[in-house]
Amino acid sequence: ASVAEHRVIADAIAAGDPELAAHATHLHLHHALTSVLTALSADPDPV
């Protein structure tokens, strides 16, 4: 999923669309944080 999200951000920057680039970044970071917190709730020891 992260691969696809980074590609969307890169495409938005290449297209010169600031708001789409920022929105795609926002979604990527939301999903990244959710994934990390889910992993942490399952096994807190790695942190």
PDB file of all heavy atoms in Angstrom:
ATOM      1  N   ALA A   1       0.831  -1.204   0.000  1.00  0.00           N
ATOM      2  CA  ALA A   1       0.000   0.000   0.000  1.00  0.00           C
ATOM      3  C   ALA A   1       0.864   1.251   0.000  1.00  0.00           C
ATOM      4  O   ALA A   1       0.559   2.246  -0.669  1.00  0.00           O
ATOM      5  CB  ALA A   1      -0.934  -0.012   1.202  1.00  0.00           C
ATOM      6  N   SER A   2       1.965   1.204   0.753  1.00  0.00           N
ATOM      7  CA  SER A   2       2.865   2.353   0.821  1.00  0.00           C
ATOM      8  C   SER A   2       3.467   2.668  -0.546  1.00  0.00           C
ATOM      9  O   SER A   2       3.635   3.833  -0.912  1.00  0.00           O
ATOM     10  CB  SER A   2       3.979   2.077   1.838  1.00  0.00           C
ATOM     11  OG  SER A   2       4.880   3.155   1.925  1.00  0.00           O
ATOM     12  N   VAL A   3       3.793   1.618  -1.307  1.00  0.00           N
ATOM     13  CA  VAL A   3       4.307   1.823  -2.666  1.00  0.00           C
ATOM     14  C   VAL A   3       3.294   2.628  -3.486  1.00  0.00           C
ATOM     15  O   VAL A   3       3.644   3.619  -4.140  1.00  0.00           O
ATOM     16  CB  VAL A   3       4.585   0.469  -3.359  1.00  0.00           C
ATOM     17  CG1 VAL A   3       4.891   0.682  -4.832  1.00  0.00           C
ATOM     18  CG2 VAL A   3       5.747  -0.254  -2.688  1.00  0.00           C
ATOM     19  N   ALA A   4       2.044   2.188  -3.466  1.00  0.00           N
ATOM     20  CA  ALA A   4       1.004   2.859  -4.243  1.00  0.00           C
ATOM     21  C   ALA A   4       0.799   4.301  -3.773  1.00  0.00           C
ATOM     22  O   ALA A   4       0.607   5.212  -4.593  1.00  0.00           O
ATOM     23  CB  ALA A   4      -0.307   2.080  -4.140  1.00  0.00           C
ATOM     24  N   GLU A   5       0.844   4.510  -2.447  1.00  0.00           N
ATOM     25  CA  GLU A   5       0.643   5.850  -1.903  1.00  0.00           C
ATOM     26  C   GLU A   5       1.765   6.797  -2.319  1.00  0.00           C
ATOM     27  O   GLU A   5       1.518   7.961  -2.674  1.00  0.00           O
ATOM     28  CB  GLU A   5       0.540   5.762  -0.382  1.00  0.00           C
ATOM     29  CG  GLU A   5      -0.740   5.084   0.098  1.00  0.00           C
ATOM     30  CD  GLU A   5      -0.649   4.570   1.520  1.00  0.00           C
ATOM     31  OE1 GLU A   5       0.335   4.898   2.224  1.00  0.00           O
ATOM     32  OE2 GLU A   5      -1.563   3.826   1.926  1.00  0.00           O
ATOM     33  N   HIS A   6       2.995   6.307  -2.292  1.00  0.00           N
ATOM     34  CA  HIS A   6       4.116   7.150  -2.719  1.00  0.00           C
ATOM     35  C   HIS A   6       4.011   7.484  -4.211  1.00  0.00           C
ATOM     36  O   HIS A   6       4.362   8.595  -4.640  1.00  0.00           O
ATOM     37  CB  HIS A   6       5.457   6.459  -2.423  1.00  0.00           C
ATOM     38  CG  HIS A   6       5.939   6.678  -1.025  1.00  0.00           C
ATOM     39  ND1 HIS A   6       5.639   5.813   0.001  1.00  0.00           N
ATOM     40  CD2 HIS A   6       6.695   7.669  -0.486  1.00  0.00           C
ATOM     41  CE1 HIS A   6       6.193   6.255   1.115  1.00  0.00           C
ATOM     42  NE2 HIS A   6       6.833   7.374   0.844  1.00  0.00           N
ATOM     43  N   ARG A   7       3.521   6.529  -4.988  1.00  0.00           N
ATOM     44  CA  ARG A   7       3.382   6.794  -6.414  1.00  0.00           C
ATOM     45  C   ARG A   7       2.350   7.890  -6.671  1.00  0.00           C
ATOM     46  O   ARG A   7       2.547   8.759  -7.534  1.00  0.00           O
ATOM     47  CB  ARG A   7       2.987   5.511  -7.149  1.00  0.00           C
ATOM     48  CG  ARG A   7       3.029   5.689  -8.662  1.00  0.00           C
ATOM     49  CD  ARG A   7       2.655   4.433  -9.407  1.00  0.00           C
ATOM     50  NE  ARG A   7       2.750   4.654 -10.840  1.00  0.00           N
ATOM     51  CZ  ARG A   7       2.300   3.833 -11.759  1.00  0.00           C
ATOM     52  NH1 ARG A   7       1.723   2.692 -11.404  1.00  0.00           N
ATOM     53  NH2 ARG A   7       2.412   4.116 -13.038  1.00  0.00           N
ATOM     54  N   VAL A   8       1.265   7.882  -5.923  1.00  0.00           N
ATOM     55  CA  VAL A   8       0.252   8.934  -6.072  1.00  0.00           C
ATOM     56  C   VAL A   8       0.843  10.297  -5.721  1.00  0.00           C
ATOM     57  O   VAL A   8       0.602  11.295  -6.418  1.00  0.00           O
ATOM     58  CB  VAL A   8      -0.982   8.633  -5.197  1.00  0.00           C
ATOM     59  CG1 VAL A   8      -1.941   9.815  -5.202  1.00  0.00           C
ATOM     60  CG2 VAL A   8      -1.695   7.383  -5.693  1.00  0.00           C
ATOM     61  N   ILE A   9       1.623  10.355  -4.650  1.00  0.00           N
ATOM     62  CA  ILE A   9       2.254  11.624  -4.262  1.00  0.00           C
ATOM     63  C   ILE A   9       3.198  12.102  -5.364  1.00  0.00           C
ATOM     64  O   ILE A   9       3.179  13.278  -5.757  1.00  0.00           O
ATOM     65  CB  ILE A   9       3.021  11.473  -2.935  1.00  0.00           C
ATOM     66  CG1 ILE A   9       2.082  11.070  -1.804  1.00  0.00           C
ATOM     67  CG2 ILE A   9       3.725  12.801  -2.581  1.00  0.00           C
ATOM     68  CD1 ILE A   9       2.802  10.635  -0.535  1.00  0.00           C
ATOM     69  N   ALA A  10       4.039  11.184  -5.876  1.00  0.00           N
ATOM     70  CA  ALA A  10       4.976  11.551  -6.931  1.00  0.00           C
ATOM     71  C   ALA A  10       4.238  12.044  -8.172  1.00  0.00           C
ATOM     72  O   ALA A  10       4.645  13.033  -8.807  1.00  0.00           O
ATOM     73  CB  ALA A  10       5.874  10.368  -7.272  1.00  0.00           C
ATOM     74  N   ASP A  11       3.144  11.374  -8.524  1.00  0.00           N
ATOM     75  CA  ASP A  11       2.357  11.786  -9.691  1.00  0.00           C
ATOM     76  C   ASP A  11       1.769  13.179  -9.492  1.00  0.00           C
ATOM     77  O   ASP A  11       1.747  14.001 -10.424  1.00  0.00           O
ATOM     78  CB  ASP A  11       1.228  10.787  -9.954  1.00  0.00           C
ATOM     79  CG  ASP A  11       1.709   9.503 -10.624  1.00  0.00           C
ATOM     80  OD1 ASP A  11       2.797   9.525 -11.228  1.00  0.00           O
ATOM     81  OD2 ASP A  11       0.996   8.485 -10.513  1.00  0.00           O
ATOM     82  N   ALA A  12       1.277  13.457  -8.283  1.00  0.00           N
ATOM     83  CA  ALA A  12       0.685  14.764  -8.010  1.00  0.00           C
ATOM     84  C   ALA A  12       1.729  15.872  -8.088  1.00  0.00           C
ATOM     85  O   ALA A  12       1.459  16.960  -8.619  1.00  0.00           O
ATOM     86  CB  ALA A  12       0.023  14.758  -6.631  1.00  0.00           C
ATOM     87  N   ILE A  13       2.924  15.593  -7.576  1.00  0.00           N
ATOM     88  CA  ILE A  13       3.996  16.591  -7.659  1.00  0.00           C
ATOM     89  C   ILE A  13       4.406  16.794  -9.118  1.00  0.00           C
ATOM     90  O   ILE A  13       4.597  17.924  -9.578  1.00  0.00           O
ATOM     91  CB  ILE A  13       5.196  16.169  -6.797  1.00  0.00           C
ATOM     92  CG1 ILE A  13       4.809  16.154  -5.311  1.00  0.00           C
ATOM     93  CG2 ILE A  13       6.381  17.122  -7.014  1.00  0.00           C
ATOM     94  CD1 ILE A  13       5.886  15.617  -4.393  1.00  0.00           C
ATOM     95  N   ALA A  14       4.533  15.689  -9.860  1.00  0.00           N
ATOM     96  CA  ALA A  14       4.891  15.787 -11.282  1.00  0.00           C
ATOM     97  C   ALA A  14       3.856  16.591 -12.062  1.00  0.00           C
ATOM     98  O   ALA A  14       4.201  17.320 -13.004  1.00  0.00           O
ATOM     99  CB  ALA A  14       5.029  14.390 -11.882  1.00  0.00           C
ATOM    100  N   ALA A  15       2.585  16.473 -11.653  1.00  0.00           N
ATOM    101  CA  ALA A  15       1.510  17.199 -12.328  1.00  0.00           C
ATOM    102  C   ALA A  15       1.415  18.656 -11.886  1.00  0.00           C
ATOM    103  O   ALA A  15       0.617  19.417 -12.445  1.00  0.00           O
ATOM    104  CB  ALA A  15       0.173  16.498 -12.085  1.00  0.00           C
ATOM    105  N   GLY A  16       2.205  19.034 -10.894  1.00  0.00           N
ATOM    106  CA  GLY A  16       2.170  20.407 -10.406  1.00  0.00           C
ATOM    107  C   GLY A  16       0.899  20.745  -9.655  1.00  0.00           C
ATOM    108  O   GLY A  16       0.425  21.891  -9.708  1.00  0.00           O
ATOM    109  N   ASP A  17       0.343  19.769  -8.936  1.00  0.00           N
ATOM    110  CA  ASP A  17      -0.917  19.963  -8.200  1.00  0.00           C
ATOM    111  C   ASP A  17      -0.623  19.977  -6.700  1.00  0.00           C
ATOM    112  O   ASP A  17      -0.567  18.919  -6.062  1.00  0.00           O
ATOM    113  CB  ASP A  17      -1.883  18.833  -8.541  1.00  0.00           C
ATOM    114  CG  ASP A  17      -3.287  19.075  -8.014  1.00  0.00           C
ATOM    115  OD1 ASP A  17      -3.421  19.737  -6.961  1.00  0.00           O
ATOM    116  OD2 ASP A  17      -4.252  18.591  -8.642  1.00  0.00           O
ATOM    117  N   PRO A  18      -0.424  21.162  -6.107  1.00  0.00           N
ATOM    118  CA  PRO A  18      -0.031  21.245  -4.693  1.00  0.00           C
ATOM    119  C   PRO A  18      -1.035  20.630  -3.735  1.00  0.00           C
ATOM    120  O   PRO A  18      -0.650  19.948  -2.777  1.00  0.00           O
ATOM    121  CB  PRO A  18       0.118  22.755  -4.444  1.00  0.00           C
ATOM    122  CG  PRO A  18       0.297  23.356  -5.794  1.00  0.00           C
ATOM    123  CD  PRO A  18      -0.496  22.492  -6.720  1.00  0.00           C
ATOM    124  N   GLU A  19      -2.322  20.876  -3.948  1.00  0.00           N
ATOM    125  CA  GLU A  19      -3.317  20.383  -2.993  1.00  0.00           C
ATOM    126  C   GLU A  19      -3.468  18.870  -3.073  1.00  0.00           C
ATOM    127  O   GLU A  19      -3.638  18.196  -2.050  1.00  0.00           O
ATOM    128  CB  GLU A  19      -4.660  21.084  -3.218  1.00  0.00           C
ATOM    129  CG  GLU A  19      -4.620  22.566  -2.881  1.00  0.00           C
ATOM    130  CD  GLU A  19      -3.980  22.830  -1.517  1.00  0.00           C
ATOM    131  OE1 GLU A  19      -4.367  22.182  -0.521  1.00  0.00           O
ATOM    132  OE2 GLU A  19      -3.076  23.694  -1.448  1.00  0.00           O
ATOM    133  N   LEU A  20      -3.403  18.313  -4.278  1.00  0.00           N
ATOM    134  CA  LEU A  20      -3.470  16.861  -4.402  1.00  0.00           C
ATOM    135  C   LEU A  20      -2.234  16.224  -3.767  1.00  0.00           C
ATOM    136  O   LEU A  20      -2.342  15.190  -3.096  1.00  0.00           O
ATOM    137  CB  LEU A  20      -3.579  16.450  -5.868  1.00  0.00           C
ATOM    138  CG  LEU A  20      -3.626  14.942  -6.143  1.00  0.00           C
ATOM    139  CD1 LEU A  20      -4.787  14.284  -5.399  1.00  0.00           C
ATOM    140  CD2 LEU A  20      -3.706  14.666  -7.637  1.00  0.00           C
ATOM    141  N   ALA A  21      -1.081  16.836  -3.957  1.00  0.00           N
ATOM    142  CA  ALA A  21       0.153  16.306  -3.359  1.00  0.00           C
ATOM    143  C   ALA A  21       0.058  16.308  -1.841  1.00  0.00           C
ATOM    144  O   ALA A  21       0.441  15.336  -1.175  1.00  0.00           O
ATOM    145  CB  ALA A  21       1.353  17.130  -3.821  1.00  0.00           C
ATOM    146  N   ALA A  22      -0.456  17.391  -1.273  1.00  0.00           N
ATOM    147  CA  ALA A  22      -0.590  17.477   0.181  1.00  0.00           C
ATOM    148  C   ALA A  22      -1.631  16.485   0.691  1.00  0.00           C
ATOM    149  O   ALA A  22      -1.435  15.843   1.728  1.00  0.00           O
ATOM    150  CB  ALA A  22      -0.974  18.899   0.584  1.00  0.00           C
ATOM    151  N   HIS A  23      -2.751  16.354  -0.032  1.00  0.00           N
ATOM    152  CA  HIS A  23      -3.806  15.428   0.395  1.00  0.00           C
ATOM    153  C   HIS A  23      -3.315  13.984   0.325  1.00  0.00           C
ATOM    154  O   HIS A  23      -3.575  13.189   1.248  1.00  0.00           O
ATOM    155  CB  HIS A  23      -5.039  15.597  -0.491  1.00  0.00           C
ATOM    156  CG  HIS A  23      -6.173  14.691  -0.122  1.00  0.00           C
ATOM    157  ND1 HIS A  23      -6.840  14.773   1.089  1.00  0.00           N
ATOM    158  CD2 HIS A  23      -6.747  13.657  -0.801  1.00  0.00           C
ATOM    159  CE1 HIS A  23      -7.777  13.841   1.148  1.00  0.00           C
ATOM    160  NE2 HIS A  23      -7.743  13.150   0.015  1.00  0.00           N
ATOM    161  N   ALA A  24      -2.603  13.641  -0.743  1.00  0.00           N
ATOM    162  CA  ALA A  24      -2.069  12.284  -0.869  1.00  0.00           C
ATOM    163  C   ALA A  24      -1.059  11.995   0.239  1.00  0.00           C
ATOM    164  O   ALA A  24      -1.010  10.876   0.769  1.00  0.00           O
ATOM    165  CB  ALA A  24      -1.424  12.106  -2.242  1.00  0.00           C
ATOM    166  N   THR A  25      -0.273  13.000   0.592  1.00  0.00           N
ATOM    167  CA  THR A  25       0.678  12.845   1.699  1.00  0.00           C
ATOM    168  C   THR A  25      -0.061  12.632   3.012  1.00  0.00           C
ATOM    169  O   THR A  25       0.320  11.790   3.832  1.00  0.00           O
ATOM    170  CB  THR A  25       1.586  14.084   1.795  1.00  0.00           C
ATOM    171  OG1 THR A  25       2.307  14.239   0.562  1.00  0.00           O
ATOM    172  CG2 THR A  25       2.581  13.952   2.945  1.00  0.00           C
ATOM    173  N   HIS A  26      -1.125  13.410   3.213  1.00  0.00           N
ATOM    174  CA  HIS A  26      -1.936  13.273   4.434  1.00  0.00           C
ATOM    175  C   HIS A  26      -2.492  11.854   4.559  1.00  0.00           C
ATOM    176  O   HIS A  26      -2.408  11.237   5.632  1.00  0.00           O
ATOM    177  CB  HIS A  26      -3.086  14.286   4.403  1.00  0.00           C
ATOM    178  CG  HIS A  26      -3.977  14.215   5.585  1.00  0.00           C
ATOM    179  ND1 HIS A  26      -3.765  14.965   6.734  1.00  0.00           N
ATOM    180  CD2 HIS A  26      -5.089  13.474   5.827  1.00  0.00           C
ATOM    181  CE1 HIS A  26      -4.711  14.685   7.621  1.00  0.00           C
ATOM    182  NE2 HIS A  26      -5.526  13.786   7.100  1.00  0.00           N
ATOM    183  N   LEU A  27      -3.037  11.316   3.479  1.00  0.00           N
ATOM    184  CA  LEU A  27      -3.596   9.963   3.517  1.00  0.00           C
ATOM    185  C   LEU A  27      -2.504   8.928   3.784  1.00  0.00           C
ATOM    186  O   LEU A  27      -2.705   7.989   4.565  1.00  0.00           O
ATOM    187  CB  LEU A  27      -4.307   9.651   2.205  1.00  0.00           C
ATOM    188  CG  LEU A  27      -5.654  10.340   1.976  1.00  0.00           C
ATOM    189  CD1 LEU A  27      -6.204   9.974   0.600  1.00  0.00           C
ATOM    190  CD2 LEU A  27      -6.655   9.959   3.066  1.00  0.00           C
ATOM    191  N   HIS A  28      -1.363   9.093   3.132  1.00  0.00           N
ATOM    192  CA  HIS A  28      -0.258   8.152   3.348  1.00  0.00           C
ATOM    193  C   HIS A  28       0.155   8.137   4.817  1.00  0.00           C
ATOM    194  O   HIS A  28       0.325   7.053   5.412  1.00  0.00           O
ATOM    195  CB  HIS A  28       0.935   8.540   2.475  1.00  0.00           C
ATOM    196  CG  HIS A  28       2.196   7.871   2.876  1.00  0.00           C
ATOM    197  ND1 HIS A  28       2.378   6.500   2.815  1.00  0.00           N
ATOM    198  CD2 HIS A  28       3.362   8.372   3.390  1.00  0.00           C
ATOM    199  CE1 HIS A  28       3.588   6.189   3.254  1.00  0.00           C
ATOM    200  NE2 HIS A  28       4.194   7.301   3.614  1.00  0.00           N
ATOM    201  N   LEU A  29       0.298   9.300   5.422  1.00  0.00           N
ATOM    202  CA  LEU A  29       0.730   9.359   6.820  1.00  0.00           C
ATOM    203  C   LEU A  29      -0.345   8.835   7.761  1.00  0.00           C
ATOM    204  O   LEU A  29      -0.033   8.225   8.797  1.00  0.00           O
ATOM    205  CB  LEU A  29       1.123  10.790   7.185  1.00  0.00           C
ATOM    206  CG  LEU A  29       2.332  11.335   6.415  1.00  0.00           C
ATOM    207  CD1 LEU A  29       2.635  12.767   6.846  1.00  0.00           C
ATOM    208  CD2 LEU A  29       3.550  10.455   6.616  1.00  0.00           C
ATOM    209  N   HIS A  30      -1.608   9.060   7.427  1.00  0.00           N
ATOM    210  CA  HIS A  30      -2.695   8.496   8.235  1.00  0.00           C
ATOM    211  C   HIS A  30      -2.622   6.975   8.242  1.00  0.00           C
ATOM    212  O   HIS A  30      -2.690   6.335   9.302  1.00  0.00           O
ATOM    213  CB  HIS A  30      -4.044   8.956   7.682  1.00  0.00           C
ATOM    214  CG  HIS A  30      -5.210   8.250   8.298  1.00  0.00           C
ATOM    215  ND1 HIS A  30      -5.662   8.530   9.580  1.00  0.00           N
ATOM    216  CD2 HIS A  30      -6.000   7.239   7.826  1.00  0.00           C
ATOM    217  CE1 HIS A  30      -6.687   7.733   9.861  1.00  0.00           C
ATOM    218  NE2 HIS A  30      -6.905   6.946   8.820  1.00  0.00           N
ATOM    219  N   HIS A  31      -2.449   6.389   7.062  1.00  0.00           N
ATOM    220  CA  HIS A  31      -2.373   4.925   6.974  1.00  0.00           C
ATOM    221  C   HIS A  31      -1.105   4.400   7.654  1.00  0.00           C
ATOM    222  O   HIS A  31      -1.141   3.335   8.295  1.00  0.00           O
ATOM    223  CB  HIS A  31      -2.412   4.481   5.514  1.00  0.00           C
ATOM    224  CG  HIS A  31      -3.708   4.753   4.831  1.00  0.00           C
ATOM    225  ND1 HIS A  31      -4.931   4.488   5.405  1.00  0.00           N
ATOM    226  CD2 HIS A  31      -3.986   5.289   3.602  1.00  0.00           C
ATOM    227  CE1 HIS A  31      -5.898   4.825   4.583  1.00  0.00           C
ATOM    228  NE2 HIS A  31      -5.354   5.317   3.489  1.00  0.00           N
ATOM    229  N   ALA A  32      -0.001   5.121   7.509  1.00  0.00           N
ATOM    230  CA  ALA A  32       1.251   4.697   8.141  1.00  0.00           C
ATOM    231  C   ALA A  32       1.119   4.691   9.659  1.00  0.00           C
ATOM    232  O   ALA A  32       1.534   3.738  10.330  1.00  0.00           O
ATOM    233  CB  ALA A  32       2.393   5.613   7.702  1.00  0.00           C
ATOM    234  N   LEU A  33       0.526   5.747  10.218  1.00  0.00           N
ATOM    235  CA  LEU A  33       0.353   5.819  11.669  1.00  0.00           C
ATOM    236  C   LEU A  33      -0.583   4.714  12.147  1.00  0.00           C
ATOM    237  O   LEU A  33      -0.305   4.058  13.167  1.00  0.00           O
ATOM    238  CB  LEU A  33      -0.193   7.184  12.063  1.00  0.00           C
ATOM    239  CG  LEU A  33      -0.521   7.373  13.554  1.00  0.00           C
ATOM    240  CD1 LEU A  33       0.706   7.130  14.422  1.00  0.00           C
ATOM    241  CD2 LEU A  33      -1.106   8.756  13.810  1.00  0.00           C
ATOM    242  N   THR A  34      -1.676   4.508  11.438  1.00  0.00           N
ATOM    243  CA  THR A  34      -2.612   3.454  11.817  1.00  0.00           C
ATOM    244  C   THR A  34      -1.924   2.094  11.844  1.00  0.00           C
ATOM    245  O   THR A  34      -2.109   1.296  12.773  1.00  0.00           O
ATOM    246  CB  THR A  34      -3.802   3.416  10.848  1.00  0.00           C
ATOM    247  OG1 THR A  34      -4.491   4.668  10.893  1.00  0.00           O
ATOM    248  CG2 THR A  34      -4.763   2.295  11.211  1.00  0.00           C
ATOM    249  N   SER A  35      -1.086   1.833  10.847  1.00  0.00           N
ATOM    250  CA  SER A  35      -0.371   0.558  10.776  1.00  0.00           C
ATOM    251  C   SER A  35       0.591   0.392  11.942  1.00  0.00           C
ATOM    252  O   SER A  35       0.662  -0.677  12.557  1.00  0.00           O
ATOM    253  CB  SER A  35       0.388   0.463   9.447  1.00  0.00           C
ATOM    254  OG  SER A  35       1.161  -0.708   9.395  1.00  0.00           O
ATOM    255  N   VAL A  36       1.319   1.449  12.255  1.00  0.00           N
ATOM    256  CA  VAL A  36       2.278   1.386  13.356  1.00  0.00           C
ATOM    257  C   VAL A  36       1.563   1.152  14.685  1.00  0.00           C
ATOM    258  O   VAL A  36       1.983   0.313  15.498  1.00  0.00           O
ATOM    259  CB  VAL A  36       3.113   2.676  13.414  1.00  0.00           C
ATOM    260  CG1 VAL A  36       3.904   2.756  14.722  1.00  0.00           C
ATOM    261  CG2 VAL A  36       4.074   2.748  12.237  1.00  0.00           C
ATOM    262  N   LEU A  37       0.484   1.879  14.921  1.00  0.00           N
ATOM    263  CA  LEU A  37      -0.241   1.722  16.188  1.00  0.00           C
ATOM    264  C   LEU A  37      -0.875   0.339  16.294  1.00  0.00           C
ATOM    265  O   LEU A  37      -0.936  -0.237  17.390  1.00  0.00           O
ATOM    266  CB  LEU A  37      -1.304   2.811  16.320  1.00  0.00           C
ATOM    267  CG  LEU A  37      -0.768   4.239  16.434  1.00  0.00           C
ATOM    268  CD1 LEU A  37      -1.918   5.230  16.552  1.00  0.00           C
ATOM    269  CD2 LEU A  37       0.179   4.385  17.622  1.00  0.00           C
ATOM    270  N   THR A  38      -1.325  -0.209  15.163  1.00  0.00           N
ATOM    271  CA  THR A  38      -1.876  -1.558  15.172  1.00  0.00           C
ATOM    272  C   THR A  38      -0.796  -2.573  15.527  1.00  0.00           C
ATOM    273  O   THR A  38      -1.012  -3.479  16.335  1.00  0.00           O
ATOM    274  CB  THR A  38      -2.490  -1.899  13.805  1.00  0.00           C
ATOM    275  OG1 THR A  38      -3.557  -0.993  13.522  1.00  0.00           O
ATOM    276  CG2 THR A  38      -3.019  -3.327  13.781  1.00  0.00           C
ATOM    277  N   ALA A  39       0.383  -2.412  14.924  1.00  0.00           N
ATOM    278  CA  ALA A  39       1.500  -3.312  15.222  1.00  0.00           C
ATOM    279  C   ALA A  39       1.905  -3.198  16.683  1.00  0.00           C
ATOM    280  O   ALA A  39       2.211  -4.194  17.347  1.00  0.00           O
ATOM    281  CB  ALA A  39       2.679  -2.995  14.315  1.00  0.00           C
ATOM    282  N   LEU A  40       1.900  -1.992  17.208  1.00  0.00           N
ATOM    283  CA  LEU A  40       2.302  -1.769  18.591  1.00  0.00           C
ATOM    284  C   LEU A  40       1.298  -2.381  19.559  1.00  0.00           C
ATOM    285  O   LEU A  40       1.683  -2.951  20.592  1.00  0.00           O
ATOM    286  CB  LEU A  40       2.446  -0.277  18.850  1.00  0.00           C
ATOM    287  CG  LEU A  40       2.929   0.128  20.239  1.00  0.00           C
ATOM    288  CD1 LEU A  40       4.266  -0.522  20.560  1.00  0.00           C
ATOM    289  CD2 LEU A  40       3.026   1.637  20.345  1.00  0.00           C
ATOM    290  N   SER A  41       0.014  -2.293  19.231  1.00  0.00           N
ATOM    291  CA  SER A  41      -0.991  -2.863  20.127  1.00  0.00           C
ATOM    292  C   SER A  41      -0.880  -4.393  20.178  1.00  0.00           C
ATOM    293  O   SER A  41      -1.205  -5.015  21.182  1.00  0.00           O
ATOM    294  CB  SER A  41      -2.390  -2.455  19.687  1.00  0.00           C
ATOM    295  OG  SER A  41      -2.728  -3.017  18.433  1.00  0.00           O
ATOM    296  N   ALA A  42      -0.405  -4.981  19.075  1.00  0.00           N
ATOM    297  CA  ALA A  42      -0.255  -6.436  19.034  1.00  0.00           C
ATOM    298  C   ALA A  42       0.996  -6.893  19.749  1.00  0.00           C
ATOM    299  O   ALA A  42       1.035  -7.971  20.333  1.00  0.00           O
ATOM    300  CB  ALA A  42      -0.217  -6.910  17.571  1.00  0.00           C
ATOM    301  N   ASP A  43       2.066  -6.049  19.694  1.00  0.00           N
ATOM    302  CA  ASP A  43       3.341  -6.421  20.303  1.00  0.00           C
ATOM    303  C   ASP A  43       4.101  -5.150  20.661  1.00  0.00           C
ATOM    304  O   ASP A  43       4.788  -4.578  19.826  1.00  0.00           O
ATOM    305  CB  ASP A  43       4.166  -7.272  19.342  1.00  0.00           C
ATOM    306  CG  ASP A  43       5.503  -7.690  19.958  1.00  0.00           C
ATOM    307  OD1 ASP A  43       5.714  -7.429  21.152  1.00  0.00           O
ATOM    308  OD2 ASP A  43       6.322  -8.286  19.235  1.00  0.00           O
ATOM    309  N   PRO A  44       3.989  -4.675  21.905  1.00  0.00           N
ATOM    310  CA  PRO A  44       4.630  -3.427  22.285  1.00  0.00           C
ATOM    311  C   PRO A  44       6.143  -3.515  22.397  1.00  0.00           C
ATOM    312  O   PRO A  44       6.829  -2.516  22.381  1.00  0.00           O
ATOM    313  CB  PRO A  44       4.024  -3.113  23.656  1.00  0.00           C
ATOM    314  CG  PRO A  44       3.653  -4.438  24.208  1.00  0.00           C
ATOM    315  CD  PRO A  44       3.211  -5.270  23.018  1.00  0.00           C
ATOM    316  N   ASP A  45       6.707  -4.702  22.480  1.00  0.00           N
ATOM    317  CA  ASP A  45       8.132  -4.827  22.735  1.00  0.00           C
ATOM    318  C   ASP A  45       9.039  -4.197  21.694  1.00  0.00           C
ATOM    319  O   ASP A  45      10.097  -3.677  22.041  1.00  0.00           O
ATOM    320  CB  ASP A  45       8.518  -6.307  22.896  1.00  0.00           C
ATOM    321  CG  ASP A  45       8.076  -6.873  24.236  1.00  0.00           C
ATOM    322  OD1 ASP A  45       7.666  -6.062  25.082  1.00  0.00           O
ATOM    323  OD2 ASP A  45       8.122  -8.099  24.417  1.00  0.00           O
ATOM    324  N   PRO A  46       8.680  -4.210  20.361  1.00  0.00           N
ATOM    325  CA  PRO A  46       9.583  -3.601  19.404  1.00  0.00           C
ATOM    326  C   PRO A  46       9.856  -2.131  19.655  1.00  0.00           C
ATOM    327  O   PRO A  46      10.867  -1.594  19.227  1.00  0.00           O
ATOM    328  CB  PRO A  46       8.854  -3.783  18.063  1.00  0.00           C
ATOM    329  CG  PRO A  46       8.026  -5.003  18.280  1.00  0.00           C
ATOM    330  CD  PRO A  46       7.586  -4.902  19.715  1.00  0.00           C
ATOM    331  N   VAL A  47       8.966  -1.444  20.365  1.00  0.00           N
ATOM    332  CA  VAL A  47       9.184  -0.038  20.640  1.00  0.00           C
ATOM    333  C   VAL A  47       9.723   0.188  22.030  1.00  0.00           C
ATOM    334  O   VAL A  47      10.756   0.816  22.239  1.00  0.00           O
ATOM    335  CB  VAL A  47       7.868   0.771  20.443  1.00  0.00           C
ATOM    336  CG1 VAL A  47       8.053   2.193  20.896  1.00  0.00           C
ATOM    337  CG2 VAL A  47       7.438   0.714  18.999  1.00  0.00           C
TER     338      VAL A  47
END
